[in-house]
Amino acid sequence: MPRTIPDMVSLALAVTEGMLHFELSVAYEIFGSVPDGVPGPWYDVSVCGPDAVRVGRFRLEPDHGLDRLPHADTVIVPGWADVDVEPPAALVDAVRAAHEAGARVASLCTGAFVLAAAGLLDGRRATTHWAHTDVLAARHPEVEVDPDVLYVDNGSVLTSAGKAAALDLCLHLVRLDHGSAVANTAARRLVVPPHRAGGQAQFVTAPVPARDDHPLGALLPWVLERLDQPLTVEDLARRANMSARHLGRHFRAATGTTPLQWLLTQRIRRAQELLEATDDGVDAIAEATGMGTATTLRRHFNRTVGVPPDTYRRTFRARSAETAG
């Protein structure tokens, strides 16, 4: 039976010969380092694999064997280097046994090939690095492969696209287990965007702006400081000193979405933080996030998050209380 989120303390990184070191390092950095302000227990991370293994150019001594995976609450499967070769049967069997024992299993990048071989993705929507989605779909036709998302959350089984999307999925798990504030703290420490929704496109023509001289480099921080204001696309274009159409092209290239959708996502994320950290009513939160009315906030929040704001707050508070207990 799947374990509940407050029980997600023991986390195992499943490694074997042929794993990608970047995805393994991302997971170990996020789950192995405790951010400031964590109210309850953090993850107890262990590396599980058969004897000493070579990951990229590094030799790694696992803490435990693969037989430890079924005892973990969460199992992370990093990227698999050679997708033309079937992953080791011992790894596939151990991952399947962990899921059958109730563990939450997540793959990073091409680690999805391990989950698919274990049968965990049958009948489920899943993703992997965009360069290998066709291979995954051809080899496992029973899997609904989505090449156009950063990650897919099926509850007890999660998959991510490549490289940076692995980081997005790991932060998503932290957000589920510990809330937005802790996930944002972890993201700030890593100097990465605090939240990219799983449904965002994998492949965009340019990264999220980081340079000071990028056309959106000064605009985005300016917007985040004014989410309580009724900003429009025209307001953003005027601030950036460009036409709305030109602004839209820059946003699509840099973020994979439109200015209006990006702005709405930031408002929803801020609403989540306020629901978690304050006792403010929905009307006050709607005003603080620029939504205007509680009705507007509830409509967009429910459509984006999947539950109404009040339900989100009760669930988060109950989850936090169980974790603290």
C-alpha atoms as a PDB file:
ATOM      1  CA  MET A   1       0.000   0.000   0.000  1.00  0.00           C
ATOM      2  CA  PRO A   2       1.444   3.455  -0.867  1.00  0.00           C
ATOM      3  CA  ARG A   3       2.809   5.406   2.060  1.00  0.00           C
ATOM      4  CA  THR A   4       1.501   8.829   2.967  1.00  0.00           C
ATOM      5  CA  ILE A   5       3.556  11.951   2.333  1.00  0.00           C
ATOM      6  CA  PRO A   6       4.449  12.597   6.007  1.00  0.00           C
ATOM      7  CA  ASP A   7       6.157   9.174   5.996  1.00  0.00           C
ATOM      8  CA  MET A   8       8.483  10.116   3.128  1.00  0.00           C
ATOM      9  CA  VAL A   9      11.697  10.252   5.148  1.00  0.00           C
ATOM     10  CA  SER A  10      13.836   7.359   3.929  1.00  0.00           C
ATOM     11  CA  LEU A  11      15.061   8.110   0.397  1.00  0.00           C
ATOM     12  CA  ALA A  12      17.190   5.753  -1.671  1.00  0.00           C
ATOM     13  CA  LEU A  13      19.162   6.622  -4.785  1.00  0.00           C
ATOM     14  CA  ALA A  14      19.279   3.518  -6.986  1.00  0.00           C
ATOM     15  CA  VAL A  15      22.596   3.288  -8.817  1.00  0.00           C
ATOM     16  CA  THR A  16      24.329   0.730 -10.971  1.00  0.00           C
ATOM     17  CA  GLU A  17      26.959   0.634 -13.662  1.00  0.00           C
ATOM     18  CA  GLY A  18      26.013   2.960 -16.517  1.00  0.00           C
ATOM     19  CA  MET A  19      24.170   5.668 -14.590  1.00  0.00           C
ATOM     20  CA  LEU A  20      24.529   9.362 -15.479  1.00  0.00           C
ATOM     21  CA  HIS A  21      26.415  11.280 -12.809  1.00  0.00           C
ATOM     22  CA  PHE A  22      24.651  14.639 -13.326  1.00  0.00           C
ATOM     23  CA  GLU A  23      21.185  13.378 -12.397  1.00  0.00           C
ATOM     24  CA  LEU A  24      22.607  11.436  -9.451  1.00  0.00           C
ATOM     25  CA  SER A  25      24.427  14.539  -8.217  1.00  0.00           C
ATOM     26  CA  VAL A  26      21.292  16.707  -8.564  1.00  0.00           C
ATOM     27  CA  ALA A  27      19.234  14.314  -6.456  1.00  0.00           C
ATOM     28  CA  TYR A  28      21.925  13.940  -3.802  1.00  0.00           C
ATOM     29  CA  GLU A  29      22.431  17.706  -3.573  1.00  0.00           C
ATOM     30  CA  ILE A  30      18.711  18.465  -3.143  1.00  0.00           C
ATOM     31  CA  PHE A  31      17.700  15.621  -0.835  1.00  0.00           C
ATOM     32  CA  GLY A  32      20.993  15.329   1.009  1.00  0.00           C
ATOM     33  CA  SER A  33      21.247  18.986   2.099  1.00  0.00           C
ATOM     34  CA  VAL A  34      18.804  20.356   4.674  1.00  0.00           C
ATOM     35  CA  PRO A  35      17.505  23.867   3.784  1.00  0.00           C
ATOM     36  CA  ASP A  36      17.045  26.473   6.491  1.00  0.00           C
ATOM     37  CA  GLY A  37      13.698  26.543   8.244  1.00  0.00           C
ATOM     38  CA  VAL A  38      12.634  22.895   7.874  1.00  0.00           C
ATOM     39  CA  PRO A  39      10.180  22.294  10.761  1.00  0.00           C
ATOM     40  CA  GLY A  40      10.268  18.497  10.735  1.00  0.00           C
ATOM     41  CA  PRO A  41      12.573  15.647   9.753  1.00  0.00           C
ATOM     42  CA  TRP A  42      14.426  15.886   6.454  1.00  0.00           C
ATOM     43  CA  TYR A  43      15.263  13.016   4.113  1.00  0.00           C
ATOM     44  CA  ASP A  44      17.470  10.166   5.285  1.00  0.00           C
ATOM     45  CA  VAL A  45      19.389   9.613   2.044  1.00  0.00           C
ATOM     46  CA  SER A  46      21.257   6.457   1.110  1.00  0.00           C
ATOM     47  CA  VAL A  47      22.913   5.291  -2.108  1.00  0.00           C
ATOM     48  CA  CYS A  48      21.987   1.733  -3.047  1.00  0.00           C
ATOM     49  CA  GLY A  49      23.758  -0.356  -5.664  1.00  0.00           C
ATOM     50  CA  PRO A  50      25.699  -3.566  -6.336  1.00  0.00           C
ATOM     51  CA  ASP A  51      29.207  -3.261  -4.866  1.00  0.00           C
ATOM     52  CA  ALA A  52      31.338  -0.454  -6.319  1.00  0.00           C
ATOM     53  CA  VAL A  53      29.950   1.055  -9.515  1.00  0.00           C
ATOM     54  CA  ARG A  54      31.257   3.487 -12.089  1.00  0.00           C
ATOM     55  CA  VAL A  55      29.028   6.508 -12.630  1.00  0.00           C
ATOM     56  CA  GLY A  56      30.360   8.542 -15.538  1.00  0.00           C
ATOM     57  CA  ARG A  57      34.065   8.883 -14.809  1.00  0.00           C
ATOM     58  CA  PHE A  58      33.632   8.404 -11.061  1.00  0.00           C
ATOM     59  CA  ARG A  59      33.849   5.288  -8.945  1.00  0.00           C
ATOM     60  CA  LEU A  60      31.130   5.121  -6.306  1.00  0.00           C
ATOM     61  CA  GLU A  61      30.840   2.974  -3.188  1.00  0.00           C
ATOM     62  CA  PRO A  62      27.105   2.521  -2.384  1.00  0.00           C
ATOM     63  CA  ASP A  63      25.903   2.568   1.214  1.00  0.00           C
ATOM     64  CA  HIS A  64      23.697  -0.501   0.724  1.00  0.00           C
ATOM     65  CA  GLY A  65      22.840  -3.119  -1.853  1.00  0.00           C
ATOM     66  CA  LEU A  66      19.836  -2.939  -4.176  1.00  0.00           C
ATOM     67  CA  ASP A  67      17.942  -5.191  -1.756  1.00  0.00           C
ATOM     68  CA  ARG A  68      17.544  -2.109   0.459  1.00  0.00           C
ATOM     69  CA  LEU A  69      15.248  -0.345  -2.057  1.00  0.00           C
ATOM     70  CA  PRO A  70      11.998  -2.012  -0.864  1.00  0.00           C
ATOM     71  CA  HIS A  71      12.663  -0.572   2.608  1.00  0.00           C
ATOM     72  CA  ALA A  72      12.810   3.023   1.366  1.00  0.00           C
ATOM     73  CA  ASP A  73       9.875   5.435   1.340  1.00  0.00           C
ATOM     74  CA  THR A  74      11.052   7.135  -1.860  1.00  0.00           C
ATOM     75  CA  VAL A  75      13.292   5.661  -4.550  1.00  0.00           C
ATOM     76  CA  ILE A  76      15.024   7.901  -7.096  1.00  0.00           C
ATOM     77  CA  VAL A  77      16.339   6.311 -10.315  1.00  0.00           C
ATOM     78  CA  PRO A  78      18.885   8.614 -12.047  1.00  0.00           C
ATOM     79  CA  GLY A  79      19.456   8.710 -15.796  1.00  0.00           C
ATOM     80  CA  TRP A  80      20.448   5.550 -17.664  1.00  0.00           C
ATOM     81  CA  ALA A  81      23.400   6.273 -19.982  1.00  0.00           C
ATOM     82  CA  ASP A  82      22.823   3.860 -22.874  1.00  0.00           C
ATOM     83  CA  VAL A  83      19.140   3.610 -23.784  1.00  0.00           C
ATOM     84  CA  ASP A  84      19.985   1.078 -26.520  1.00  0.00           C
ATOM     85  CA  VAL A  85      20.909  -1.435 -23.815  1.00  0.00           C
ATOM     86  CA  GLU A  86      18.350  -2.937 -21.446  1.00  0.00           C
ATOM     87  CA  PRO A  87      18.951  -1.873 -17.819  1.00  0.00           C
ATOM     88  CA  PRO A  88      20.273  -4.590 -15.483  1.00  0.00           C
ATOM     89  CA  ALA A  89      17.638  -7.080 -14.360  1.00  0.00           C
ATOM     90  CA  ALA A  90      18.744  -6.734 -10.725  1.00  0.00           C
ATOM     91  CA  LEU A  91      18.022  -2.995 -10.804  1.00  0.00           C
ATOM     92  CA  VAL A  92      14.682  -3.456 -12.575  1.00  0.00           C
ATOM     93  CA  ASP A  93      13.589  -6.152 -10.110  1.00  0.00           C
ATOM     94  CA  ALA A  94      14.627  -4.062  -7.091  1.00  0.00           C
ATOM     95  CA  VAL A  95      12.754  -0.981  -8.341  1.00  0.00           C
ATOM     96  CA  ARG A  96       9.637  -3.077  -9.003  1.00  0.00           C
ATOM     97  CA  ALA A  97       9.871  -4.638  -5.544  1.00  0.00           C
ATOM     98  CA  ALA A  98      10.214  -1.189  -3.954  1.00  0.00           C
ATOM     99  CA  HIS A  99       7.046   0.036  -5.652  1.00  0.00           C
ATOM    100  CA  GLU A 100       5.162  -3.122  -4.688  1.00  0.00           C
ATOM    101  CA  ALA A 101       6.266  -2.506  -1.089  1.00  0.00           C
ATOM    102  CA  GLY A 102       4.636   0.941  -1.203  1.00  0.00           C
ATOM    103  CA  ALA A 103       7.563   3.202  -2.108  1.00  0.00           C
ATOM    104  CA  ARG A 104       7.130   6.320  -4.210  1.00  0.00           C
ATOM    105  CA  VAL A 105       9.374   5.849  -7.261  1.00  0.00           C
ATOM    106  CA  ALA A 106      10.700   8.708  -9.395  1.00  0.00           C
ATOM    107  CA  SER A 107      12.964   8.586 -12.437  1.00  0.00           C
ATOM    108  CA  LEU A 108      15.220  11.367 -13.644  1.00  0.00           C
ATOM    109  CA  CYS A 109      15.813  11.758 -17.388  1.00  0.00           C
ATOM    110  CA  THR A 110      16.367   8.343 -19.011  1.00  0.00           C
ATOM    111  CA  GLY A 111      15.820   6.589 -15.686  1.00  0.00           C
ATOM    112  CA  ALA A 112      12.295   6.231 -17.118  1.00  0.00           C
ATOM    113  CA  PHE A 113      13.612   3.271 -19.136  1.00  0.00           C
ATOM    114  CA  VAL A 114      14.218   1.443 -15.838  1.00  0.00           C
ATOM    115  CA  LEU A 115      10.696   2.197 -14.601  1.00  0.00           C
ATOM    116  CA  ALA A 116       9.220   1.124 -17.941  1.00  0.00           C
ATOM    117  CA  ALA A 117      11.182  -2.143 -17.874  1.00  0.00           C
ATOM    118  CA  ALA A 118       9.804  -2.745 -14.377  1.00  0.00           C
ATOM    119  CA  GLY A 119       6.257  -2.290 -15.668  1.00  0.00           C
ATOM    120  CA  LEU A 120       5.616   0.742 -13.469  1.00  0.00           C
ATOM    121  CA  LEU A 121       4.681   2.956 -16.416  1.00  0.00           C
ATOM    122  CA  ASP A 122       2.184   0.581 -18.068  1.00  0.00           C
ATOM    123  CA  GLY A 123      -1.024   2.487 -18.741  1.00  0.00           C
ATOM    124  CA  ARG A 124       0.478   5.649 -17.295  1.00  0.00           C
ATOM    125  CA  ARG A 125       1.550   8.938 -18.792  1.00  0.00           C
ATOM    126  CA  ALA A 126       5.315   9.433 -18.574  1.00  0.00           C
ATOM    127  CA  THR A 127       8.182  11.436 -20.017  1.00  0.00           C
ATOM    128  CA  THR A 128      11.923  11.307 -20.483  1.00  0.00           C
ATOM    129  CA  HIS A 129      14.575  13.361 -22.272  1.00  0.00           C
ATOM    130  CA  TRP A 130      13.041  14.673 -25.510  1.00  0.00           C
ATOM    131  CA  ALA A 131      15.813  13.042 -27.583  1.00  0.00           C
ATOM    132  CA  HIS A 132      14.722   9.587 -26.375  1.00  0.00           C
ATOM    133  CA  THR A 133      10.925   9.804 -26.148  1.00  0.00           C
ATOM    134  CA  ASP A 134      10.481   8.056 -29.500  1.00  0.00           C
ATOM    135  CA  VAL A 135      12.681   5.171 -28.355  1.00  0.00           C
ATOM    136  CA  LEU A 136      10.766   4.822 -25.079  1.00  0.00           C
ATOM    137  CA  ALA A 137       7.423   4.852 -26.898  1.00  0.00           C
ATOM    138  CA  ALA A 138       8.562   2.277 -29.473  1.00  0.00           C
ATOM    139  CA  ARG A 139      10.048  -0.084 -26.897  1.00  0.00           C
ATOM    140  CA  HIS A 140       7.149   0.242 -24.453  1.00  0.00           C
ATOM    141  CA  PRO A 141       3.960   0.909 -26.452  1.00  0.00           C
ATOM    142  CA  GLU A 142       1.853   0.394 -23.334  1.00  0.00           C
ATOM    143  CA  VAL A 143       3.301   3.633 -21.901  1.00  0.00           C
ATOM    144  CA  GLU A 144       1.684   6.966 -22.794  1.00  0.00           C
ATOM    145  CA  VAL A 145       4.864   8.924 -23.555  1.00  0.00           C
ATOM    146  CA  ASP A 146       4.513  12.707 -23.461  1.00  0.00           C
ATOM    147  CA  PRO A 147       7.534  14.405 -25.082  1.00  0.00           C
ATOM    148  CA  ASP A 148       6.378  17.952 -24.365  1.00  0.00           C
ATOM    149  CA  VAL A 149       6.489  18.249 -20.562  1.00  0.00           C
ATOM    150  CA  LEU A 150       9.163  18.723 -17.890  1.00  0.00           C
ATOM    151  CA  TYR A 151       7.843  16.031 -15.568  1.00  0.00           C
ATOM    152  CA  VAL A 152       4.795  13.868 -14.911  1.00  0.00           C
ATOM    153  CA  ASP A 153       3.402  13.170 -11.436  1.00  0.00           C
ATOM    154  CA  ASN A 154       1.253  10.041 -11.190  1.00  0.00           C
ATOM    155  CA  GLY A 155       1.302  10.018  -7.403  1.00  0.00           C
ATOM    156  CA  SER A 156       3.403   6.970  -6.549  1.00  0.00           C
ATOM    157  CA  VAL A 157       5.255   7.032  -9.889  1.00  0.00           C
ATOM    158  CA  LEU A 158       6.920  10.149 -11.295  1.00  0.00           C
ATOM    159  CA  THR A 159       9.110  10.748 -14.346  1.00  0.00           C
ATOM    160  CA  SER A 160      11.112  13.743 -15.514  1.00  0.00           C
ATOM    161  CA  ALA A 161      12.682  14.962 -18.717  1.00  0.00           C
ATOM    162  CA  GLY A 162      16.428  15.536 -19.006  1.00  0.00           C
ATOM    163  CA  LYS A 163      19.030  17.449 -17.018  1.00  0.00           C
ATOM    164  CA  ALA A 164      17.463  20.643 -15.641  1.00  0.00           C
ATOM    165  CA  ALA A 165      14.022  19.000 -15.589  1.00  0.00           C
ATOM    166  CA  ALA A 166      15.437  16.446 -13.139  1.00  0.00           C
ATOM    167  CA  LEU A 167      16.071  19.342 -10.792  1.00  0.00           C
ATOM    168  CA  ASP A 168      12.498  20.556 -11.351  1.00  0.00           C
ATOM    169  CA  LEU A 169      11.082  17.175 -10.368  1.00  0.00           C
ATOM    170  CA  CYS A 170      13.263  16.931  -7.254  1.00  0.00           C
ATOM    171  CA  LEU A 171      12.100  20.385  -6.124  1.00  0.00           C
ATOM    172  CA  HIS A 172       8.520  19.318  -6.905  1.00  0.00           C
ATOM    173  CA  LEU A 173       8.932  16.400  -4.476  1.00  0.00           C
ATOM    174  CA  VAL A 174      10.316  18.744  -1.813  1.00  0.00           C
ATOM    175  CA  ARG A 175       7.328  21.033  -2.384  1.00  0.00           C
ATOM    176  CA  LEU A 176       4.910  18.108  -1.962  1.00  0.00           C
ATOM    177  CA  ASP A 177       6.594  16.898   1.212  1.00  0.00           C
ATOM    178  CA  HIS A 178       7.578  20.170   2.899  1.00  0.00           C
ATOM    179  CA  GLY A 179       5.652  22.992   1.224  1.00  0.00           C
ATOM    180  CA  SER A 180       6.468  25.849  -1.120  1.00  0.00           C
ATOM    181  CA  ALA A 181       8.458  27.907   1.372  1.00  0.00           C
ATOM    182  CA  VAL A 182      11.005  25.125   1.992  1.00  0.00           C
ATOM    183  CA  ALA A 183      11.192  24.272  -1.721  1.00  0.00           C
ATOM    184  CA  ASN A 184      11.794  27.936  -2.531  1.00  0.00           C
ATOM    185  CA  THR A 185      14.571  28.087   0.077  1.00  0.00           C
ATOM    186  CA  ALA A 186      16.205  25.035  -1.509  1.00  0.00           C
ATOM    187  CA  ALA A 187      15.871  26.626  -4.957  1.00  0.00           C
ATOM    188  CA  ARG A 188      17.448  29.889  -3.793  1.00  0.00           C
ATOM    189  CA  ARG A 189      20.409  27.984  -2.388  1.00  0.00           C
ATOM    190  CA  LEU A 190      20.848  26.305  -5.773  1.00  0.00           C
ATOM    191  CA  VAL A 191      20.307  29.625  -7.593  1.00  0.00           C
ATOM    192  CA  VAL A 192      17.557  28.182  -9.799  1.00  0.00           C
ATOM    193  CA  PRO A 193      13.934  29.198 -10.516  1.00  0.00           C
ATOM    194  CA  PRO A 194      11.795  28.113  -7.544  1.00  0.00           C
ATOM    195  CA  HIS A 195       9.072  26.499  -9.638  1.00  0.00           C
ATOM    196  CA  ARG A 196       8.589  25.394 -13.217  1.00  0.00           C
ATOM    197  CA  ALA A 197       5.280  23.620 -13.702  1.00  0.00           C
ATOM    198  CA  GLY A 198       5.523  20.044 -14.962  1.00  0.00           C
ATOM    199  CA  GLY A 199       3.395  20.839 -17.996  1.00  0.00           C
ATOM    200  CA  GLN A 200       5.833  23.419 -19.341  1.00  0.00           C
ATOM    201  CA  ALA A 201       7.463  22.573 -22.663  1.00  0.00           C
ATOM    202  CA  GLN A 202      10.754  20.648 -22.482  1.00  0.00           C
ATOM    203  CA  PHE A 203      12.421  22.341 -25.373  1.00  0.00           C
ATOM    204  CA  VAL A 204      12.603  26.122 -25.641  1.00  0.00           C
ATOM    205  CA  THR A 205      14.950  28.143 -27.800  1.00  0.00           C
ATOM    206  CA  ALA A 206      16.623  29.948 -24.891  1.00  0.00           C
ATOM    207  CA  PRO A 207      16.943  29.490 -21.119  1.00  0.00           C
ATOM    208  CA  VAL A 208      15.065  31.477 -18.503  1.00  0.00           C
ATOM    209  CA  PRO A 209      16.771  34.904 -18.477  1.00  0.00           C
ATOM    210  CA  ALA A 210      19.718  35.152 -16.118  1.00  0.00           C
ATOM    211  CA  ARG A 211      21.863  37.831 -17.747  1.00  0.00           C
ATOM    212  CA  ASP A 212      21.414  41.432 -16.718  1.00  0.00           C
ATOM    213  CA  ASP A 213      21.389  42.487 -20.373  1.00  0.00           C
ATOM    214  CA  HIS A 214      18.621  40.082 -21.397  1.00  0.00           C
ATOM    215  CA  PRO A 215      15.442  41.944 -22.474  1.00  0.00           C
ATOM    216  CA  LEU A 216      13.518  40.235 -19.652  1.00  0.00           C
ATOM    217  CA  GLY A 217      16.353  40.259 -17.120  1.00  0.00           C
ATOM    218  CA  ALA A 218      15.097  43.325 -15.234  1.00  0.00           C
ATOM    219  CA  LEU A 219      11.410  42.845 -16.005  1.00  0.00           C
ATOM    220  CA  LEU A 220      10.768  39.552 -14.226  1.00  0.00           C
ATOM    221  CA  PRO A 221      12.072  40.644 -10.779  1.00  0.00           C
ATOM    222  CA  TRP A 222      10.109  43.885 -11.187  1.00  0.00           C
ATOM    223  CA  VAL A 223       6.923  41.906 -11.794  1.00  0.00           C
ATOM    224  CA  LEU A 224       7.505  39.555  -8.850  1.00  0.00           C
ATOM    225  CA  GLU A 225       7.693  42.562  -6.513  1.00  0.00           C
ATOM    226  CA  ARG A 226       4.299  43.805  -7.783  1.00  0.00           C
ATOM    227  CA  LEU A 227       2.112  40.707  -7.923  1.00  0.00           C
ATOM    228  CA  ASP A 228      -0.451  42.495  -5.755  1.00  0.00           C
ATOM    229  CA  GLN A 229      -1.062  44.957  -8.562  1.00  0.00           C
ATOM    230  CA  PRO A 230      -3.459  44.353 -11.497  1.00  0.00           C
ATOM    231  CA  LEU A 231      -0.691  44.113 -14.079  1.00  0.00           C
ATOM    232  CA  THR A 232      -1.545  43.471 -17.705  1.00  0.00           C
ATOM    233  CA  VAL A 233       0.530  42.371 -20.692  1.00  0.00           C
ATOM    234  CA  GLU A 234       0.493  45.984 -21.842  1.00  0.00           C
ATOM    235  CA  ASP A 235       1.933  47.071 -18.470  1.00  0.00           C
ATOM    236  CA  LEU A 236       4.755  44.557 -18.851  1.00  0.00           C
ATOM    237  CA  ALA A 237       5.433  45.622 -22.439  1.00  0.00           C
ATOM    238  CA  ARG A 238       5.510  49.278 -21.443  1.00  0.00           C
ATOM    239  CA  ARG A 239       7.944  48.517 -18.592  1.00  0.00           C
ATOM    240  CA  ALA A 240      10.181  46.539 -20.980  1.00  0.00           C
ATOM    241  CA  ASN A 241       9.949  49.331 -23.537  1.00  0.00           C
ATOM    242  CA  MET A 242       8.719  47.070 -26.322  1.00  0.00           C
ATOM    243  CA  SER A 243       5.476  46.171 -28.052  1.00  0.00           C
ATOM    244  CA  ALA A 244       3.190  43.503 -26.607  1.00  0.00           C
ATOM    245  CA  ARG A 245       3.883  41.290 -29.625  1.00  0.00           C
ATOM    246  CA  HIS A 246       7.646  41.676 -29.227  1.00  0.00           C
ATOM    247  CA  LEU A 247       7.322  40.922 -25.504  1.00  0.00           C
ATOM    248  CA  GLY A 248       5.361  37.786 -26.305  1.00  0.00           C
ATOM    249  CA  ARG A 249       8.106  36.536 -28.606  1.00  0.00           C
ATOM    250  CA  HIS A 250      10.756  37.077 -25.901  1.00  0.00           C
ATOM    251  CA  PHE A 251       8.620  35.296 -23.284  1.00  0.00           C
ATOM    252  CA  ARG A 252       7.943  32.331 -25.550  1.00  0.00           C
ATOM    253  CA  ALA A 253      11.651  31.969 -26.384  1.00  0.00           C
ATOM    254  CA  ALA A 254      12.816  32.359 -22.779  1.00  0.00           C
ATOM    255  CA  THR A 255      10.142  30.540 -20.774  1.00  0.00           C
ATOM    256  CA  GLY A 256       8.165  28.450 -23.244  1.00  0.00           C
ATOM    257  CA  THR A 257       4.933  30.208 -22.314  1.00  0.00           C
ATOM    258  CA  THR A 258       3.071  33.500 -22.760  1.00  0.00           C
ATOM    259  CA  PRO A 259       3.440  36.610 -20.551  1.00  0.00           C
ATOM    260  CA  LEU A 260      -0.117  36.206 -19.270  1.00  0.00           C
ATOM    261  CA  GLN A 261       0.320  32.523 -18.390  1.00  0.00           C
ATOM    262  CA  TRP A 262       3.670  33.211 -16.713  1.00  0.00           C
ATOM    263  CA  LEU A 263       2.101  36.007 -14.667  1.00  0.00           C
ATOM    264  CA  LEU A 264      -0.810  33.783 -13.634  1.00  0.00           C
ATOM    265  CA  THR A 265       1.603  31.031 -12.579  1.00  0.00           C
ATOM    266  CA  GLN A 266       3.506  33.473 -10.350  1.00  0.00           C
ATOM    267  CA  ARG A 267       0.243  34.672  -8.772  1.00  0.00           C
ATOM    268  CA  ILE A 268      -0.837  31.101  -8.016  1.00  0.00           C
ATOM    269  CA  ARG A 269       2.569  30.271  -6.545  1.00  0.00           C
ATOM    270  CA  ARG A 270       2.400  33.336  -4.295  1.00  0.00           C
ATOM    271  CA  ALA A 271      -1.121  32.323  -3.228  1.00  0.00           C
ATOM    272  CA  GLN A 272       0.203  28.875  -2.268  1.00  0.00           C
ATOM    273  CA  GLU A 273       2.886  30.459  -0.107  1.00  0.00           C
ATOM    274  CA  LEU A 274       0.354  32.693   1.655  1.00  0.00           C
ATOM    275  CA  LEU A 275      -2.049  29.792   2.229  1.00  0.00           C
ATOM    276  CA  GLU A 276       0.784  27.801   3.778  1.00  0.00           C
ATOM    277  CA  ALA A 277       2.424  30.504   5.868  1.00  0.00           C
ATOM    278  CA  THR A 278      -0.430  32.833   6.947  1.00  0.00           C
ATOM    279  CA  ASP A 279      -3.990  32.733   8.271  1.00  0.00           C
ATOM    280  CA  ASP A 280      -5.138  35.361   5.772  1.00  0.00           C
ATOM    281  CA  GLY A 281      -8.558  34.795   4.271  1.00  0.00           C
ATOM    282  CA  VAL A 282      -9.066  34.009   0.602  1.00  0.00           C
ATOM    283  CA  ASP A 283     -10.271  37.563  -0.048  1.00  0.00           C
ATOM    284  CA  ALA A 284      -7.057  39.022   1.402  1.00  0.00           C
ATOM    285  CA  ILE A 285      -4.907  36.554  -0.536  1.00  0.00           C
ATOM    286  CA  ALA A 286      -6.773  37.362  -3.745  1.00  0.00           C
ATOM    287  CA  GLU A 287      -5.950  41.025  -3.205  1.00  0.00           C
ATOM    288  CA  ALA A 288      -2.314  40.297  -2.269  1.00  0.00           C
ATOM    289  CA  THR A 289      -1.787  38.254  -5.440  1.00  0.00           C
ATOM    290  CA  GLY A 290      -3.499  40.648  -7.836  1.00  0.00           C
ATOM    291  CA  MET A 291      -6.426  38.289  -8.466  1.00  0.00           C
ATOM    292  CA  GLY A 292      -8.939  40.927  -7.436  1.00  0.00           C
ATOM    293  CA  THR A 293     -11.663  38.742  -5.969  1.00  0.00           C
ATOM    294  CA  ALA A 294     -11.892  35.470  -4.082  1.00  0.00           C
ATOM    295  CA  THR A 295     -14.021  34.060  -6.904  1.00  0.00           C
ATOM    296  CA  THR A 296     -11.280  34.718  -9.461  1.00  0.00           C
ATOM    297  CA  LEU A 297      -8.615  33.244  -7.196  1.00  0.00           C
ATOM    298  CA  ARG A 298     -10.674  30.123  -6.510  1.00  0.00           C
ATOM    299  CA  ARG A 299     -11.361  29.566 -10.210  1.00  0.00           C
ATOM    300  CA  HIS A 300      -7.720  29.862 -11.306  1.00  0.00           C
ATOM    301  CA  PHE A 301      -6.334  28.087  -8.236  1.00  0.00           C
ATOM    302  CA  ASN A 302      -8.658  25.121  -8.597  1.00  0.00           C
ATOM    303  CA  ARG A 303      -7.902  24.810 -12.315  1.00  0.00           C
ATOM    304  CA  THR A 304      -4.121  25.055 -11.796  1.00  0.00           C
ATOM    305  CA  VAL A 305      -3.545  23.202  -8.511  1.00  0.00           C
ATOM    306  CA  GLY A 306      -6.477  20.816  -8.697  1.00  0.00           C
ATOM    307  CA  VAL A 307      -8.133  21.751  -5.382  1.00  0.00           C
ATOM    308  CA  PRO A 308      -9.758  24.929  -3.976  1.00  0.00           C
ATOM    309  CA  PRO A 309      -7.579  27.267  -1.832  1.00  0.00           C
ATOM    310  CA  ASP A 310      -9.300  26.284   1.437  1.00  0.00           C
ATOM    311  CA  THR A 311      -8.765  22.599   0.751  1.00  0.00           C
ATOM    312  CA  TYR A 312      -5.141  23.230  -0.149  1.00  0.00           C
ATOM    313  CA  ARG A 313      -4.594  25.036   3.174  1.00  0.00           C
ATOM    314  CA  ARG A 314      -6.292  22.336   5.265  1.00  0.00           C
ATOM    315  CA  THR A 315      -4.346  19.585   3.499  1.00  0.00           C
ATOM    316  CA  PHE A 316      -1.051  21.394   3.928  1.00  0.00           C
ATOM    317  CA  ARG A 317      -1.693  22.133   7.610  1.00  0.00           C
ATOM    318  CA  ALA A 318      -2.711  18.534   8.298  1.00  0.00           C
ATOM    319  CA  ARG A 319       0.350  17.254   6.453  1.00  0.00           C
ATOM    320  CA  SER A 320       2.648  19.601   8.387  1.00  0.00           C
ATOM    321  CA  ALA A 321       1.073  18.565  11.707  1.00  0.00           C
ATOM    322  CA  GLU A 322       1.589  14.884  10.936  1.00  0.00           C
ATOM    323  CA  THR A 323       5.172  15.505   9.915  1.00  0.00           C
ATOM    324  CA  ALA A 324       5.880  17.472  13.106  1.00  0.00           C
ATOM    325  CA  GLY A 325       4.179  14.782  15.178  1.00  0.00           C
END
